[in-house]
């Protein structure tokens, strides 16, 4: 190898090194973006889990609230039935003379 070929090879190697350095810098930037995206996805998954838990609690509360009027209605019907039975019993006893 003579001096001109050596200079040419050295120049090409230096240019490739600069090009590789530039591409590595871009890859580092892209890798940082991917890492940030992964962290964001992890945070979103955690938040989604919290939302799921909160939603389950809300569903439970709504179910208990929707059952409350039916319980109240059942109590009223129960009292009306006892009132009617008490009235009939009182009427029957008064007819017998007791």
C-alpha atoms as a PDB file:
ATOM      1  CA  UNK A   1       0.000   0.000   0.000  1.00  0.00           C
ATOM      2  CA  UNK A   2       1.434   3.308  -0.967  1.00  0.00           C
ATOM      3  CA  UNK A   3       0.937   6.620   0.739  1.00  0.00           C
ATOM      4  CA  UNK A   4      -1.959   7.795  -1.523  1.00  0.00           C
ATOM      5  CA  UNK A   5      -3.969   4.618  -0.925  1.00  0.00           C
ATOM      6  CA  UNK A   6      -3.332   4.891   2.791  1.00  0.00           C
ATOM      7  CA  UNK A   7      -4.525   8.514   2.837  1.00  0.00           C
ATOM      8  CA  UNK A   8      -7.606   7.562   0.782  1.00  0.00           C
ATOM      9  CA  UNK A   9      -8.436   4.661   3.120  1.00  0.00           C
ATOM     10  CA  UNK A  10      -7.874   6.809   6.195  1.00  0.00           C
ATOM     11  CA  UNK A  11     -10.108   9.568   4.754  1.00  0.00           C
ATOM     12  CA  UNK A  12     -12.881   7.067   3.950  1.00  0.00           C
ATOM     13  CA  UNK A  13     -12.610   5.607   7.426  1.00  0.00           C
ATOM     14  CA  UNK A  14     -12.844   9.061   9.004  1.00  0.00           C
ATOM     15  CA  UNK A  15     -15.929   9.889   6.904  1.00  0.00           C
ATOM     16  CA  UNK A  16     -17.561   6.589   7.875  1.00  0.00           C
ATOM     17  CA  UNK A  17     -16.767   7.285  11.519  1.00  0.00           C
ATOM     18  CA  UNK A  18     -18.472  10.714  11.292  1.00  0.00           C
ATOM     19  CA  UNK A  19     -21.479   9.175   9.541  1.00  0.00           C
ATOM     20  CA  UNK A  20     -21.693   6.417  12.146  1.00  0.00           C
ATOM     21  CA  UNK A  21     -21.412   8.956  14.969  1.00  0.00           C
ATOM     22  CA  UNK A  22     -24.308  10.919  13.477  1.00  0.00           C
ATOM     23  CA  UNK A  23     -26.457   7.789  13.139  1.00  0.00           C
ATOM     24  CA  UNK A  24     -25.610   6.689  16.681  1.00  0.00           C
ATOM     25  CA  UNK A  25     -26.675  10.122  17.984  1.00  0.00           C
ATOM     26  CA  UNK A  26     -30.010   9.754  16.154  1.00  0.00           C
ATOM     27  CA  UNK A  27     -30.458   6.250  17.570  1.00  0.00           C
ATOM     28  CA  UNK A  28     -29.803   7.524  21.093  1.00  0.00           C
ATOM     29  CA  UNK A  29     -32.434  10.209  20.592  1.00  0.00           C
ATOM     30  CA  UNK A  30     -34.912   7.637  19.276  1.00  0.00           C
ATOM     31  CA  UNK A  31     -34.122   5.296  22.170  1.00  0.00           C
ATOM     32  CA  UNK A  32     -34.854   8.066  24.669  1.00  0.00           C
ATOM     33  CA  UNK A  33     -38.203   8.668  22.956  1.00  0.00           C
ATOM     34  CA  UNK A  34     -39.032   4.951  23.112  1.00  0.00           C
ATOM     35  CA  UNK A  35     -38.089   4.838  26.798  1.00  0.00           C
ATOM     36  CA  UNK A  36     -40.321   7.828  27.549  1.00  0.00           C
ATOM     37  CA  UNK A  37     -43.156   6.183  25.622  1.00  0.00           C
ATOM     38  CA  UNK A  38     -42.739   2.960  27.605  1.00  0.00           C
ATOM     39  CA  UNK A  39     -42.847   4.895  30.877  1.00  0.00           C
ATOM     40  CA  UNK A  40     -45.975   6.727  29.719  1.00  0.00           C
ATOM     41  CA  UNK A  41     -47.665   3.441  28.812  1.00  0.00           C
ATOM     42  CA  UNK A  42     -46.759   2.026  32.230  1.00  0.00           C
ATOM     43  CA  UNK A  43     -48.258   5.084  33.944  1.00  0.00           C
ATOM     44  CA  UNK A  44     -51.400   4.797  31.830  1.00  0.00           C
ATOM     45  CA  UNK A  45     -51.738   1.103  32.690  1.00  0.00           C
ATOM     46  CA  UNK A  46     -51.445   1.899  36.388  1.00  0.00           C
ATOM     47  CA  UNK A  47     -54.038   4.653  36.081  1.00  0.00           C
ATOM     48  CA  UNK A  48     -56.346   2.325  34.149  1.00  0.00           C
ATOM     49  CA  UNK A  49     -56.089  -0.191  36.980  1.00  0.00           C
ATOM     50  CA  UNK A  50     -57.038   2.511  39.474  1.00  0.00           C
ATOM     51  CA  UNK A  51     -59.970   3.561  37.302  1.00  0.00           C
ATOM     52  CA  UNK A  52     -61.116  -0.063  37.092  1.00  0.00           C
ATOM     53  CA  UNK A  53     -61.081  -0.330  40.891  1.00  0.00           C
ATOM     54  CA  UNK A  54     -62.962   2.952  41.285  1.00  0.00           C
ATOM     55  CA  UNK A  55     -65.523   1.876  38.704  1.00  0.00           C
ATOM     56  CA  UNK A  56     -66.147  -1.370  40.560  1.00  0.00           C
ATOM     57  CA  UNK A  57     -66.789   0.621  43.751  1.00  0.00           C
ATOM     58  CA  UNK A  58     -69.175   2.956  41.925  1.00  0.00           C
ATOM     59  CA  UNK A  59     -71.063  -0.007  40.449  1.00  0.00           C
ATOM     60  CA  UNK A  60     -71.438  -1.508  43.916  1.00  0.00           C
ATOM     61  CA  UNK A  61     -72.719   1.792  45.298  1.00  0.00           C
ATOM     62  CA  UNK A  62     -75.194   2.207  42.435  1.00  0.00           C
ATOM     63  CA  UNK A  63     -76.517  -1.316  42.951  1.00  0.00           C
ATOM     64  CA  UNK A  64     -77.076  -0.678  46.654  1.00  0.00           C
ATOM     65  CA  UNK A  65     -78.824   2.613  45.872  1.00  0.00           C
ATOM     66  CA  UNK A  66     -81.089   1.031  43.268  1.00  0.00           C
ATOM     67  CA  UNK A  67     -82.071  -1.719  45.722  1.00  0.00           C
ATOM     68  CA  UNK A  68     -82.984   0.783  48.420  1.00  0.00           C
ATOM     69  CA  UNK A  69     -86.335   1.884  46.912  1.00  0.00           C
ATOM     70  CA  UNK A  70     -87.405  -1.728  46.369  1.00  0.00           C
ATOM     71  CA  UNK A  71     -86.574  -2.512  49.999  1.00  0.00           C
ATOM     72  CA  UNK A  72     -88.611   0.488  51.070  1.00  0.00           C
ATOM     73  CA  UNK A  73     -91.509  -0.638  48.840  1.00  0.00           C
ATOM     74  CA  UNK A  74     -91.336  -4.142  50.314  1.00  0.00           C
ATOM     75  CA  UNK A  75     -91.483  -2.691  53.829  1.00  0.00           C
ATOM     76  CA  UNK A  76     -94.526  -0.572  52.942  1.00  0.00           C
ATOM     77  CA  UNK A  77     -96.323  -3.531  51.359  1.00  0.00           C
ATOM     78  CA  UNK A  78     -95.500  -5.644  54.416  1.00  0.00           C
ATOM     79  CA  UNK A  79     -96.955  -3.013  56.770  1.00  0.00           C
ATOM     80  CA  UNK A  80    -100.087  -2.603  54.630  1.00  0.00           C
ATOM     81  CA  UNK A  81    -100.637  -6.377  54.651  1.00  0.00           C
ATOM     82  CA  UNK A  82    -100.269  -6.468  58.450  1.00  0.00           C
ATOM     83  CA  UNK A  83    -102.576  -3.468  58.765  1.00  0.00           C
ATOM     84  CA  UNK A  84    -105.261  -5.144  56.629  1.00  0.00           C
ATOM     85  CA  UNK A  85    -104.890  -8.409  58.541  1.00  0.00           C
ATOM     86  CA  UNK A  86    -105.087  -6.539  61.855  1.00  0.00           C
ATOM     87  CA  UNK A  87    -108.197  -4.710  60.659  1.00  0.00           C
ATOM     88  CA  UNK A  88    -109.837  -7.948  59.516  1.00  0.00           C
ATOM     89  CA  UNK A  89    -108.957  -9.635  62.805  1.00  0.00           C
ATOM     90  CA  UNK A  90    -110.318  -6.670  64.768  1.00  0.00           C
ATOM     91  CA  UNK A  91    -113.514  -6.701  62.688  1.00  0.00           C
ATOM     92  CA  UNK A  92    -113.903 -10.463  63.166  1.00  0.00           C
ATOM     93  CA  UNK A  93    -113.344 -10.196  66.908  1.00  0.00           C
ATOM     94  CA  UNK A  94    -115.771  -7.297  67.212  1.00  0.00           C
ATOM     95  CA  UNK A  95    -118.426  -9.321  65.350  1.00  0.00           C
ATOM     96  CA  UNK A  96    -117.935 -12.187  67.731  1.00  0.00           C
ATOM     97  CA  UNK A  97    -118.276  -9.794  70.640  1.00  0.00           C
ATOM     98  CA  UNK A  98    -114.797  -9.974  72.037  1.00  0.00           C
END
